[in-house]
Amino acid sequence: MNPRRSICNFAAVLAGLGIASPALADATNPDWPCMQRKVPELSLAQVWSGPELPEAARDWANDPEISRRVQDLSARRVPLKDAAQEIKDFAASLPGDQLLPKMAMLEQGLFDHMNAERSNVMDGITRYAHKQIELATQLRKEASQVDDLEDSKKADPKVLSQRQDQLAWGTRIFQERVKSLTYVCEVPTIIEQRLYQLSKAVADTLTAKK
């Protein structure tokens, strides 16, 4: 392994992470590593096209059935098609005078729960990026030290080989974490898109009853 090449590679790796190139970063969130613009909180209007939700809908967590459905429907392991059908079936089971209040509570619950989940994911992404910066600093230092050992005529070949192996392994871990971050950066968008589709399914049940 050539440590000089490792040092050069860090610039490209960090650029891909969105850390070393300020021009790629969100000017208002310079520590945000994703290409997607950081929007910490969603608004209900972004996902909801139905009637204005009554104040009572905010008490959704006090309704055990609604609370359970919010947990189940928001889980990404549940296919959207199945979740939409569950919403439709739930609406069909409600008495006419309970349709609007119950579906309003369901929508409010989905929004509150998934918006919070999305924010937590984004906070985790930021923490992950900070750890990557720390790891990159350590690897740069290690690469410089290995470079010095290579140039030294007194270096123990066995020690040099061990340090090169450690640097290669550390670099591999760093790059794998960069790849993982690329996928994780998609999660907030996935949550937002799921919330939009679930909200549309809820709104459709109200439209169908008109």
N, C-alpha and C. Protein backbone atom coordinates (compact mmCIF):
# COMPACT_ATOMS: atom_id res chain seq x y z
N MET A 1 0.84 -1.21 0.00
CA MET A 1 0.00 0.00 0.00
C MET A 1 0.87 1.24 0.00
N ASN A 2 0.52 2.22 -0.81
CA ASN A 2 1.27 3.47 -0.88
C ASN A 2 0.58 4.50 -0.01
N PRO A 3 1.19 4.90 1.13
CA PRO A 3 0.51 5.84 2.02
C PRO A 3 0.28 7.20 1.40
N ARG A 4 1.20 7.60 0.48
CA ARG A 4 0.99 8.90 -0.16
C ARG A 4 -0.31 8.89 -0.96
N ARG A 5 -0.55 7.78 -1.63
CA ARG A 5 -1.79 7.66 -2.39
C ARG A 5 -2.99 7.66 -1.46
N SER A 6 -2.83 7.07 -0.25
CA SER A 6 -3.92 7.07 0.73
C SER A 6 -4.27 8.48 1.14
N ILE A 7 -3.25 9.29 1.38
CA ILE A 7 -3.49 10.67 1.79
C ILE A 7 -4.25 11.41 0.70
N CYS A 8 -3.87 11.20 -0.55
CA CYS A 8 -4.56 11.87 -1.65
C CYS A 8 -6.00 11.39 -1.77
N ASN A 9 -6.19 10.11 -1.52
CA ASN A 9 -7.53 9.55 -1.64
C ASN A 9 -8.50 10.14 -0.64
N PHE A 10 -8.00 10.57 0.53
CA PHE A 10 -8.89 11.12 1.54
C PHE A 10 -9.65 12.34 1.03
N ALA A 11 -9.00 13.15 0.18
CA ALA A 11 -9.69 14.34 -0.34
C ALA A 11 -10.92 13.93 -1.14
N ALA A 12 -10.75 12.91 -2.00
CA ALA A 12 -11.87 12.45 -2.81
C ALA A 12 -12.94 11.81 -1.94
N VAL A 13 -12.52 11.03 -0.96
CA VAL A 13 -13.49 10.36 -0.08
C VAL A 13 -14.29 11.38 0.70
N LEU A 14 -13.61 12.37 1.27
CA LEU A 14 -14.30 13.38 2.05
C LEU A 14 -15.20 14.24 1.18
N ALA A 15 -14.78 14.49 -0.06
CA ALA A 15 -15.64 15.25 -0.97
C ALA A 15 -16.93 14.48 -1.21
N GLY A 16 -16.81 13.17 -1.37
CA GLY A 16 -17.99 12.35 -1.54
C GLY A 16 -18.87 12.36 -0.32
N LEU A 17 -18.27 12.54 0.84
CA LEU A 17 -19.03 12.59 2.08
C LEU A 17 -19.70 13.94 2.26
N GLY A 18 -19.23 14.96 1.47
CA GLY A 18 -19.82 16.29 1.58
C GLY A 18 -19.20 17.11 2.69
N ILE A 19 -17.98 16.72 3.13
CA ILE A 19 -17.36 17.41 4.26
C ILE A 19 -16.24 18.33 3.79
N ALA A 20 -15.42 17.86 2.85
CA ALA A 20 -14.24 18.61 2.49
C ALA A 20 -14.52 19.70 1.46
N SER A 21 -15.70 19.68 0.87
CA SER A 21 -16.01 20.66 -0.16
C SER A 21 -17.15 21.55 0.30
N PRO A 22 -16.85 22.72 0.87
CA PRO A 22 -17.90 23.61 1.38
C PRO A 22 -18.91 24.01 0.31
N ALA A 23 -18.48 24.01 -0.95
CA ALA A 23 -19.39 24.42 -2.03
C ALA A 23 -20.55 23.44 -2.18
N LEU A 24 -20.33 22.18 -1.76
CA LEU A 24 -21.37 21.18 -1.89
C LEU A 24 -22.31 21.15 -0.70
N ALA A 25 -21.89 21.78 0.39
CA ALA A 25 -22.66 21.69 1.63
C ALA A 25 -23.77 22.73 1.65
N ASP A 26 -24.79 22.46 2.44
CA ASP A 26 -25.85 23.43 2.69
C ASP A 26 -25.24 24.57 3.49
N ALA A 27 -25.31 25.78 2.95
CA ALA A 27 -24.66 26.91 3.60
C ALA A 27 -25.15 27.14 5.02
N THR A 28 -26.41 26.79 5.26
CA THR A 28 -26.96 26.99 6.61
C THR A 28 -26.71 25.79 7.52
N ASN A 29 -26.26 24.68 6.94
CA ASN A 29 -25.96 23.46 7.71
C ASN A 29 -24.65 22.86 7.20
N PRO A 30 -23.52 23.51 7.47
CA PRO A 30 -22.24 23.07 6.91
C PRO A 30 -21.79 21.69 7.37
N ASP A 31 -22.36 21.18 8.47
CA ASP A 31 -21.96 19.85 8.93
C ASP A 31 -22.91 18.76 8.44
N TRP A 32 -23.84 19.12 7.55
CA TRP A 32 -24.78 18.14 7.00
C TRP A 32 -24.13 17.45 5.81
N PRO A 33 -23.95 16.12 5.84
CA PRO A 33 -23.15 15.43 4.82
C PRO A 33 -23.90 14.96 3.59
N CYS A 34 -25.21 15.08 3.57
CA CYS A 34 -26.00 14.51 2.47
C CYS A 34 -26.21 15.52 1.34
N MET A 35 -26.39 14.99 0.13
CA MET A 35 -26.67 15.85 -1.02
C MET A 35 -28.06 16.47 -0.88
N GLN A 36 -28.97 15.74 -0.25
CA GLN A 36 -30.32 16.27 -0.04
C GLN A 36 -30.27 17.45 0.92
N ARG A 37 -31.04 18.48 0.62
CA ARG A 37 -31.07 19.65 1.50
C ARG A 37 -31.67 19.27 2.85
N LYS A 38 -31.10 19.80 3.91
CA LYS A 38 -31.57 19.47 5.25
C LYS A 38 -32.82 20.30 5.60
N VAL A 39 -33.92 19.60 5.83
CA VAL A 39 -35.17 20.23 6.30
C VAL A 39 -35.52 19.49 7.59
N PRO A 40 -35.15 20.04 8.75
CA PRO A 40 -35.29 19.30 10.02
C PRO A 40 -36.72 18.90 10.35
N GLU A 41 -37.69 19.74 10.02
CA GLU A 41 -39.09 19.47 10.37
C GLU A 41 -39.98 19.61 9.14
N LEU A 42 -40.96 18.72 9.06
CA LEU A 42 -41.97 18.84 8.01
C LEU A 42 -43.16 19.62 8.54
N SER A 43 -43.98 20.13 7.64
CA SER A 43 -45.24 20.76 8.04
C SER A 43 -46.37 19.87 7.55
N LEU A 44 -47.47 19.88 8.26
CA LEU A 44 -48.61 19.04 7.89
C LEU A 44 -49.09 19.36 6.48
N ALA A 45 -49.02 20.64 6.10
CA ALA A 45 -49.50 21.06 4.78
C ALA A 45 -48.71 20.41 3.64
N GLN A 46 -47.48 19.96 3.92
CA GLN A 46 -46.66 19.33 2.89
C GLN A 46 -47.18 17.96 2.49
N VAL A 47 -47.92 17.31 3.39
CA VAL A 47 -48.35 15.94 3.12
C VAL A 47 -49.86 15.75 3.15
N TRP A 48 -50.59 16.70 3.71
CA TRP A 48 -52.03 16.53 3.95
C TRP A 48 -52.86 17.41 3.03
N SER A 49 -53.77 16.78 2.28
CA SER A 49 -54.63 17.51 1.35
C SER A 49 -56.09 17.46 1.77
N GLY A 50 -56.36 16.86 2.93
CA GLY A 50 -57.73 16.73 3.41
C GLY A 50 -58.19 17.95 4.18
N PRO A 51 -59.32 17.84 4.86
CA PRO A 51 -59.86 18.98 5.62
C PRO A 51 -58.98 19.31 6.82
N GLU A 52 -59.16 20.50 7.34
CA GLU A 52 -58.38 20.91 8.51
C GLU A 52 -58.65 19.95 9.67
N LEU A 53 -57.58 19.53 10.32
CA LEU A 53 -57.72 18.57 11.42
C LEU A 53 -58.19 19.28 12.68
N PRO A 54 -59.18 18.74 13.37
CA PRO A 54 -59.67 19.36 14.60
C PRO A 54 -58.63 19.27 15.72
N GLU A 55 -58.74 20.14 16.68
CA GLU A 55 -57.82 20.17 17.80
C GLU A 55 -57.79 18.83 18.54
N ALA A 56 -58.94 18.17 18.60
CA ALA A 56 -59.03 16.89 19.31
C ALA A 56 -58.14 15.82 18.69
N ALA A 57 -57.76 16.00 17.44
CA ALA A 57 -56.92 15.00 16.77
C ALA A 57 -55.55 14.89 17.44
N ARG A 58 -55.15 15.94 18.15
CA ARG A 58 -53.85 15.93 18.82
C ARG A 58 -53.80 14.93 19.98
N ASP A 59 -54.96 14.46 20.39
CA ASP A 59 -55.02 13.49 21.49
C ASP A 59 -54.95 12.05 20.99
N TRP A 60 -54.45 11.84 19.80
CA TRP A 60 -54.44 10.52 19.18
C TRP A 60 -53.72 9.47 20.05
N ALA A 61 -52.67 9.88 20.77
CA ALA A 61 -51.90 8.93 21.57
C ALA A 61 -52.71 8.35 22.72
N ASN A 62 -53.82 9.03 23.08
CA ASN A 62 -54.67 8.53 24.17
C ASN A 62 -55.68 7.50 23.69
N ASP A 63 -55.74 7.28 22.39
CA ASP A 63 -56.64 6.28 21.82
C ASP A 63 -55.81 5.04 21.50
N PRO A 64 -55.94 3.95 22.25
CA PRO A 64 -55.09 2.77 22.05
C PRO A 64 -55.14 2.21 20.63
N GLU A 65 -56.33 2.20 20.03
CA GLU A 65 -56.45 1.65 18.69
C GLU A 65 -55.72 2.51 17.67
N ILE A 66 -55.91 3.81 17.77
CA ILE A 66 -55.24 4.73 16.85
C ILE A 66 -53.73 4.65 17.04
N SER A 67 -53.30 4.64 18.29
CA SER A 67 -51.87 4.58 18.60
C SER A 67 -51.23 3.33 18.00
N ARG A 68 -51.93 2.20 18.13
CA ARG A 68 -51.41 0.95 17.57
C ARG A 68 -51.32 1.03 16.05
N ARG A 69 -52.35 1.59 15.44
CA ARG A 69 -52.35 1.68 13.98
C ARG A 69 -51.25 2.62 13.48
N VAL A 70 -51.01 3.67 14.21
CA VAL A 70 -49.92 4.58 13.83
C VAL A 70 -48.59 3.83 13.83
N GLN A 71 -48.34 3.05 14.86
CA GLN A 71 -47.09 2.28 14.94
C GLN A 71 -47.00 1.29 13.78
N ASP A 72 -48.09 0.58 13.52
CA ASP A 72 -48.08 -0.44 12.49
C ASP A 72 -47.92 0.16 11.09
N LEU A 73 -48.69 1.19 10.79
CA LEU A 73 -48.69 1.77 9.45
C LEU A 73 -47.39 2.50 9.12
N SER A 74 -46.77 3.08 10.12
CA SER A 74 -45.55 3.85 9.87
C SER A 74 -44.32 2.96 9.67
N ALA A 75 -44.41 1.69 10.08
CA ALA A 75 -43.28 0.76 9.95
C ALA A 75 -42.97 0.51 8.48
N ARG A 76 -41.73 0.77 8.07
CA ARG A 76 -41.37 0.65 6.66
C ARG A 76 -41.35 -0.80 6.17
N ARG A 77 -41.34 -1.73 7.10
CA ARG A 77 -41.38 -3.15 6.69
C ARG A 77 -42.74 -3.53 6.11
N VAL A 78 -43.76 -2.72 6.40
CA VAL A 78 -45.10 -2.98 5.88
C VAL A 78 -45.21 -2.35 4.49
N PRO A 79 -45.46 -3.12 3.45
CA PRO A 79 -45.59 -2.56 2.10
C PRO A 79 -46.66 -1.47 2.06
N LEU A 80 -46.39 -0.43 1.29
CA LEU A 80 -47.33 0.70 1.21
C LEU A 80 -48.71 0.25 0.74
N LYS A 81 -48.74 -0.68 -0.19
CA LYS A 81 -50.02 -1.17 -0.70
C LYS A 81 -50.85 -1.79 0.42
N ASP A 82 -50.19 -2.58 1.29
CA ASP A 82 -50.88 -3.21 2.41
C ASP A 82 -51.33 -2.18 3.43
N ALA A 83 -50.47 -1.17 3.66
CA ALA A 83 -50.80 -0.13 4.63
C ALA A 83 -52.01 0.68 4.15
N ALA A 84 -52.02 1.00 2.86
CA ALA A 84 -53.14 1.76 2.30
C ALA A 84 -54.45 0.97 2.40
N GLN A 85 -54.37 -0.33 2.18
CA GLN A 85 -55.57 -1.17 2.30
C GLN A 85 -56.05 -1.23 3.74
N GLU A 86 -55.11 -1.28 4.68
CA GLU A 86 -55.49 -1.30 6.10
C GLU A 86 -56.21 -0.02 6.48
N ILE A 87 -55.74 1.10 5.96
CA ILE A 87 -56.40 2.39 6.22
C ILE A 87 -57.82 2.37 5.65
N LYS A 88 -57.95 1.87 4.44
CA LYS A 88 -59.26 1.80 3.79
C LYS A 88 -60.22 0.90 4.58
N ASP A 89 -59.71 -0.26 5.02
CA ASP A 89 -60.54 -1.20 5.78
C ASP A 89 -60.95 -0.60 7.13
N PHE A 90 -60.02 0.10 7.76
CA PHE A 90 -60.32 0.73 9.05
C PHE A 90 -61.42 1.77 8.89
N ALA A 91 -61.30 2.59 7.86
CA ALA A 91 -62.31 3.62 7.61
C ALA A 91 -63.67 2.99 7.35
N ALA A 92 -63.69 1.89 6.61
CA ALA A 92 -64.96 1.22 6.28
C ALA A 92 -65.63 0.62 7.51
N SER A 93 -64.85 0.33 8.55
CA SER A 93 -65.40 -0.28 9.76
C SER A 93 -65.99 0.74 10.73
N LEU A 94 -65.77 2.02 10.45
CA LEU A 94 -66.20 3.06 11.39
C LEU A 94 -67.64 3.51 11.13
N PRO A 95 -68.38 3.80 12.20
CA PRO A 95 -69.71 4.43 12.03
C PRO A 95 -69.53 5.79 11.37
N GLY A 96 -70.55 6.23 10.68
CA GLY A 96 -70.46 7.50 9.96
C GLY A 96 -70.03 8.67 10.80
N ASP A 97 -70.53 8.75 12.05
CA ASP A 97 -70.20 9.90 12.88
C ASP A 97 -68.79 9.82 13.48
N GLN A 98 -68.14 8.67 13.33
CA GLN A 98 -66.78 8.50 13.87
C GLN A 98 -65.70 8.58 12.79
N LEU A 99 -66.14 8.61 11.53
CA LEU A 99 -65.16 8.57 10.44
C LEU A 99 -64.20 9.76 10.49
N LEU A 100 -64.72 10.97 10.48
CA LEU A 100 -63.85 12.14 10.46
C LEU A 100 -62.98 12.25 11.71
N PRO A 101 -63.55 12.15 12.92
CA PRO A 101 -62.68 12.29 14.10
C PRO A 101 -61.61 11.21 14.19
N LYS A 102 -61.95 9.97 13.85
CA LYS A 102 -60.98 8.89 13.95
C LYS A 102 -59.89 9.01 12.88
N MET A 103 -60.30 9.32 11.67
CA MET A 103 -59.30 9.44 10.60
C MET A 103 -58.43 10.68 10.79
N ALA A 104 -59.01 11.71 11.39
CA ALA A 104 -58.21 12.90 11.71
C ALA A 104 -57.15 12.57 12.76
N MET A 105 -57.54 11.79 13.75
CA MET A 105 -56.58 11.37 14.77
C MET A 105 -55.49 10.47 14.16
N LEU A 106 -55.89 9.61 13.23
CA LEU A 106 -54.93 8.74 12.57
C LEU A 106 -53.91 9.56 11.78
N GLU A 107 -54.42 10.55 11.05
CA GLU A 107 -53.52 11.39 10.27
C GLU A 107 -52.58 12.18 11.17
N GLN A 108 -53.12 12.77 12.22
CA GLN A 108 -52.28 13.54 13.14
C GLN A 108 -51.21 12.64 13.77
N GLY A 109 -51.63 11.41 14.12
CA GLY A 109 -50.69 10.48 14.72
C GLY A 109 -49.58 10.08 13.75
N LEU A 110 -49.95 9.77 12.53
CA LEU A 110 -48.95 9.41 11.52
C LEU A 110 -47.97 10.55 11.31
N PHE A 111 -48.51 11.77 11.23
CA PHE A 111 -47.63 12.93 11.00
C PHE A 111 -46.69 13.13 12.19
N ASP A 112 -47.21 13.14 13.40
CA ASP A 112 -46.37 13.38 14.58
C ASP A 112 -45.29 12.31 14.71
N HIS A 113 -45.72 11.06 14.56
CA HIS A 113 -44.80 9.94 14.75
C HIS A 113 -43.70 9.91 13.68
N MET A 114 -44.09 10.04 12.42
CA MET A 114 -43.12 9.90 11.34
C MET A 114 -42.26 11.14 11.18
N ASN A 115 -42.80 12.30 11.51
CA ASN A 115 -41.99 13.52 11.49
C ASN A 115 -40.90 13.44 12.56
N ALA A 116 -41.25 12.92 13.74
CA ALA A 116 -40.26 12.76 14.81
C ALA A 116 -39.22 11.70 14.43
N GLU A 117 -39.69 10.62 13.83
CA GLU A 117 -38.76 9.56 13.39
C GLU A 117 -37.77 10.12 12.38
N ARG A 118 -38.26 10.89 11.44
CA ARG A 118 -37.41 11.49 10.42
C ARG A 118 -36.37 12.43 11.04
N SER A 119 -36.79 13.24 12.00
CA SER A 119 -35.86 14.15 12.67
C SER A 119 -34.78 13.38 13.43
N ASN A 120 -35.17 12.28 14.07
CA ASN A 120 -34.19 11.47 14.80
C ASN A 120 -33.16 10.86 13.85
N VAL A 121 -33.63 10.41 12.69
CA VAL A 121 -32.71 9.86 11.70
C VAL A 121 -31.72 10.92 11.25
N MET A 122 -32.21 12.13 11.02
CA MET A 122 -31.34 13.21 10.56
C MET A 122 -30.31 13.59 11.63
N ASP A 123 -30.71 13.57 12.89
CA ASP A 123 -29.76 13.83 13.97
C ASP A 123 -28.68 12.75 13.99
N GLY A 124 -29.10 11.50 13.77
CA GLY A 124 -28.14 10.40 13.73
C GLY A 124 -27.16 10.54 12.57
N ILE A 125 -27.64 11.01 11.44
CA ILE A 125 -26.77 11.21 10.28
C ILE A 125 -25.70 12.26 10.59
N THR A 126 -26.09 13.32 11.26
CA THR A 126 -25.13 14.36 11.62
C THR A 126 -24.08 13.83 12.57
N ARG A 127 -24.50 13.04 13.57
CA ARG A 127 -23.54 12.44 14.50
C ARG A 127 -22.58 11.51 13.77
N TYR A 128 -23.12 10.74 12.83
CA TYR A 128 -22.32 9.81 12.04
C TYR A 128 -21.26 10.57 11.25
N ALA A 129 -21.66 11.69 10.65
CA ALA A 129 -20.73 12.49 9.86
C ALA A 129 -19.62 13.06 10.73
N HIS A 130 -19.96 13.48 11.95
CA HIS A 130 -18.94 14.01 12.85
C HIS A 130 -17.91 12.93 13.19
N LYS A 131 -18.37 11.70 13.38
CA LYS A 131 -17.45 10.60 13.67
C LYS A 131 -16.55 10.32 12.47
N GLN A 132 -17.10 10.49 11.27
CA GLN A 132 -16.29 10.30 10.07
C GLN A 132 -15.18 11.35 9.98
N ILE A 133 -15.49 12.57 10.36
CA ILE A 133 -14.48 13.62 10.34
C ILE A 133 -13.36 13.27 11.31
N GLU A 134 -13.73 12.79 12.49
CA GLU A 134 -12.73 12.40 13.49
C GLU A 134 -11.87 11.25 12.97
N LEU A 135 -12.52 10.27 12.33
CA LEU A 135 -11.79 9.12 11.80
C LEU A 135 -10.85 9.55 10.68
N ALA A 136 -11.31 10.47 9.83
CA ALA A 136 -10.48 10.95 8.74
C ALA A 136 -9.23 11.67 9.27
N THR A 137 -9.39 12.42 10.34
CA THR A 137 -8.26 13.11 10.95
C THR A 137 -7.23 12.11 11.47
N GLN A 138 -7.73 11.06 12.12
CA GLN A 138 -6.84 10.01 12.63
C GLN A 138 -6.11 9.31 11.50
N LEU A 139 -6.81 9.03 10.42
CA LEU A 139 -6.21 8.33 9.30
C LEU A 139 -5.18 9.19 8.58
N ARG A 140 -5.45 10.46 8.47
CA ARG A 140 -4.47 11.37 7.86
C ARG A 140 -3.17 11.36 8.68
N LYS A 141 -3.32 11.43 10.00
CA LYS A 141 -2.16 11.40 10.89
C LYS A 141 -1.40 10.10 10.74
N GLU A 142 -2.14 8.99 10.71
CA GLU A 142 -1.52 7.67 10.56
C GLU A 142 -0.80 7.56 9.22
N ALA A 143 -1.43 8.06 8.14
CA ALA A 143 -0.82 8.00 6.81
C ALA A 143 0.48 8.80 6.76
N SER A 144 0.49 9.94 7.42
CA SER A 144 1.70 10.77 7.47
C SER A 144 2.83 10.06 8.21
N GLN A 145 2.48 9.38 9.30
CA GLN A 145 3.48 8.66 10.08
C GLN A 145 4.04 7.48 9.30
N VAL A 146 3.17 6.77 8.58
CA VAL A 146 3.62 5.64 7.76
C VAL A 146 4.51 6.15 6.63
N ASP A 147 4.15 7.28 6.09
CA ASP A 147 4.97 7.90 5.04
C ASP A 147 6.38 8.18 5.56
N ASP A 148 6.46 8.71 6.77
CA ASP A 148 7.77 9.00 7.37
C ASP A 148 8.56 7.72 7.59
N LEU A 149 7.87 6.66 8.01
CA LEU A 149 8.56 5.38 8.23
C LEU A 149 9.11 4.83 6.91
N GLU A 150 8.35 4.97 5.85
CA GLU A 150 8.82 4.49 4.54
C GLU A 150 10.07 5.23 4.10
N ASP A 151 10.14 6.51 4.42
CA ASP A 151 11.29 7.31 4.01
C ASP A 151 12.51 7.07 4.90
N SER A 152 12.23 6.50 6.07
CA SER A 152 13.34 6.29 7.01
C SER A 152 14.12 5.03 6.68
N LYS A 153 15.43 5.15 6.63
CA LYS A 153 16.29 3.99 6.33
C LYS A 153 16.42 3.08 7.54
N LYS A 154 16.04 3.58 8.73
CA LYS A 154 16.19 2.81 9.95
C LYS A 154 14.89 2.10 10.35
N ALA A 155 13.88 2.24 9.55
CA ALA A 155 12.58 1.67 9.91
C ALA A 155 12.64 0.15 9.91
N ASP A 156 12.03 -0.45 10.91
CA ASP A 156 11.92 -1.90 10.99
C ASP A 156 10.89 -2.36 9.95
N PRO A 157 11.28 -3.18 9.00
CA PRO A 157 10.35 -3.61 7.95
C PRO A 157 9.09 -4.26 8.50
N LYS A 158 9.24 -5.02 9.59
CA LYS A 158 8.07 -5.68 10.18
C LYS A 158 7.10 -4.66 10.76
N VAL A 159 7.65 -3.67 11.46
CA VAL A 159 6.81 -2.61 12.03
C VAL A 159 6.13 -1.82 10.92
N LEU A 160 6.90 -1.51 9.87
CA LEU A 160 6.35 -0.75 8.75
C LEU A 160 5.19 -1.51 8.10
N SER A 161 5.39 -2.80 7.91
CA SER A 161 4.34 -3.62 7.30
C SER A 161 3.08 -3.63 8.16
N GLN A 162 3.25 -3.73 9.48
CA GLN A 162 2.10 -3.73 10.39
C GLN A 162 1.36 -2.40 10.33
N ARG A 163 2.12 -1.31 10.28
CA ARG A 163 1.49 0.02 10.24
C ARG A 163 0.77 0.22 8.91
N GLN A 164 1.34 -0.28 7.83
CA GLN A 164 0.68 -0.17 6.53
C GLN A 164 -0.61 -0.98 6.50
N ASP A 165 -0.57 -2.16 7.11
CA ASP A 165 -1.78 -2.99 7.16
C ASP A 165 -2.87 -2.31 7.99
N GLN A 166 -2.47 -1.70 9.12
CA GLN A 166 -3.43 -1.00 9.97
C GLN A 166 -4.06 0.17 9.22
N LEU A 167 -3.23 0.90 8.48
CA LEU A 167 -3.73 2.05 7.72
C LEU A 167 -4.68 1.58 6.61
N ALA A 168 -4.31 0.50 5.94
CA ALA A 168 -5.17 -0.02 4.87
C ALA A 168 -6.52 -0.46 5.43
N TRP A 169 -6.50 -1.12 6.59
CA TRP A 169 -7.74 -1.58 7.20
C TRP A 169 -8.59 -0.39 7.66
N GLY A 170 -7.95 0.60 8.28
CA GLY A 170 -8.68 1.78 8.73
C GLY A 170 -9.30 2.53 7.56
N THR A 171 -8.56 2.62 6.44
CA THR A 171 -9.07 3.30 5.25
C THR A 171 -10.27 2.54 4.68
N ARG A 172 -10.18 1.23 4.69
CA ARG A 172 -11.29 0.41 4.18
C ARG A 172 -12.55 0.63 5.02
N ILE A 173 -12.39 0.64 6.33
CA ILE A 173 -13.54 0.87 7.22
C ILE A 173 -14.15 2.24 6.95
N PHE A 174 -13.28 3.24 6.80
CA PHE A 174 -13.75 4.60 6.54
C PHE A 174 -14.57 4.65 5.26
N GLN A 175 -14.06 4.03 4.20
CA GLN A 175 -14.74 4.06 2.92
C GLN A 175 -16.06 3.28 2.95
N GLU A 176 -16.09 2.19 3.71
CA GLU A 176 -17.33 1.44 3.85
C GLU A 176 -18.38 2.27 4.59
N ARG A 177 -17.92 3.05 5.56
CA ARG A 177 -18.84 3.92 6.29
C ARG A 177 -19.37 5.03 5.39
N VAL A 178 -18.54 5.49 4.45
CA VAL A 178 -19.00 6.50 3.49
C VAL A 178 -20.11 5.91 2.63
N LYS A 179 -19.92 4.66 2.17
CA LYS A 179 -20.95 4.01 1.36
C LYS A 179 -22.25 3.84 2.16
N SER A 180 -22.10 3.45 3.43
CA SER A 180 -23.29 3.28 4.27
C SER A 180 -24.03 4.59 4.45
N LEU A 181 -23.28 5.67 4.60
CA LEU A 181 -23.89 6.98 4.79
C LEU A 181 -24.69 7.39 3.56
N THR A 182 -24.21 7.01 2.38
CA THR A 182 -24.93 7.31 1.15
C THR A 182 -26.34 6.74 1.18
N TYR A 183 -26.45 5.51 1.67
CA TYR A 183 -27.76 4.86 1.77
C TYR A 183 -28.60 5.49 2.88
N VAL A 184 -27.96 5.76 4.01
CA VAL A 184 -28.69 6.33 5.15
C VAL A 184 -29.27 7.70 4.81
N CYS A 185 -28.56 8.44 3.96
CA CYS A 185 -29.03 9.77 3.57
C CYS A 185 -30.38 9.72 2.85
N GLU A 186 -30.72 8.57 2.30
CA GLU A 186 -31.99 8.41 1.60
C GLU A 186 -33.17 8.20 2.56
N VAL A 187 -32.87 7.79 3.80
CA VAL A 187 -33.94 7.41 4.72
C VAL A 187 -34.91 8.55 5.02
N PRO A 188 -34.44 9.79 5.32
CA PRO A 188 -35.42 10.86 5.57
C PRO A 188 -36.39 11.07 4.41
N THR A 189 -35.89 10.97 3.19
CA THR A 189 -36.75 11.12 2.01
C THR A 189 -37.74 9.96 1.92
N ILE A 190 -37.27 8.76 2.22
CA ILE A 190 -38.15 7.59 2.19
C ILE A 190 -39.29 7.74 3.19
N ILE A 191 -38.95 8.21 4.40
CA ILE A 191 -39.97 8.43 5.43
C ILE A 191 -40.96 9.49 4.97
N GLU A 192 -40.45 10.57 4.42
CA GLU A 192 -41.32 11.66 3.95
C GLU A 192 -42.27 11.17 2.85
N GLN A 193 -41.74 10.40 1.91
CA GLN A 193 -42.57 9.89 0.82
C GLN A 193 -43.63 8.91 1.34
N ARG A 194 -43.25 8.09 2.32
CA ARG A 194 -44.22 7.16 2.89
C ARG A 194 -45.33 7.92 3.62
N LEU A 195 -44.94 8.93 4.37
CA LEU A 195 -45.92 9.74 5.08
C LEU A 195 -46.89 10.39 4.10
N TYR A 196 -46.37 10.88 2.98
CA TYR A 196 -47.24 11.50 1.98
C TYR A 196 -48.25 10.49 1.43
N GLN A 197 -47.79 9.29 1.12
CA GLN A 197 -48.67 8.27 0.56
C GLN A 197 -49.72 7.80 1.58
N LEU A 198 -49.31 7.64 2.82
CA LEU A 198 -50.26 7.26 3.86
C LEU A 198 -51.29 8.36 4.09
N SER A 199 -50.84 9.60 4.08
CA SER A 199 -51.74 10.73 4.27
C SER A 199 -52.74 10.81 3.13
N LYS A 200 -52.29 10.52 1.92
CA LYS A 200 -53.18 10.52 0.76
C LYS A 200 -54.24 9.43 0.93
N ALA A 201 -53.83 8.27 1.45
CA ALA A 201 -54.78 7.17 1.66
C ALA A 201 -55.83 7.56 2.69
N VAL A 202 -55.41 8.25 3.73
CA VAL A 202 -56.37 8.71 4.76
C VAL A 202 -57.33 9.73 4.14
N ALA A 203 -56.80 10.70 3.40
CA ALA A 203 -57.63 11.72 2.78
C ALA A 203 -58.63 11.09 1.80
N ASP A 204 -58.21 10.06 1.09
CA ASP A 204 -59.09 9.41 0.13
C ASP A 204 -60.31 8.77 0.80
N THR A 205 -60.12 8.26 2.02
CA THR A 205 -61.25 7.64 2.72
C THR A 205 -62.30 8.68 3.07
N LEU A 206 -61.88 9.90 3.31
CA LEU A 206 -62.83 10.97 3.64
C LEU A 206 -63.54 11.46 2.38
N THR A 207 -62.80 11.52 1.29
CA THR A 207 -63.39 11.94 0.02
C THR A 207 -64.43 10.93 -0.47
N ALA A 208 -64.13 9.66 -0.27
CA ALA A 208 -65.02 8.60 -0.75
C ALA A 208 -66.37 8.62 -0.05
N LYS A 209 -66.42 9.17 1.18
CA LYS A 209 -67.66 9.17 1.96
C LYS A 209 -68.53 10.37 1.67
N LYS A 210 -68.01 11.30 0.88
CA LYS A 210 -68.78 12.52 0.62
C LYS A 210 -69.97 12.23 -0.29
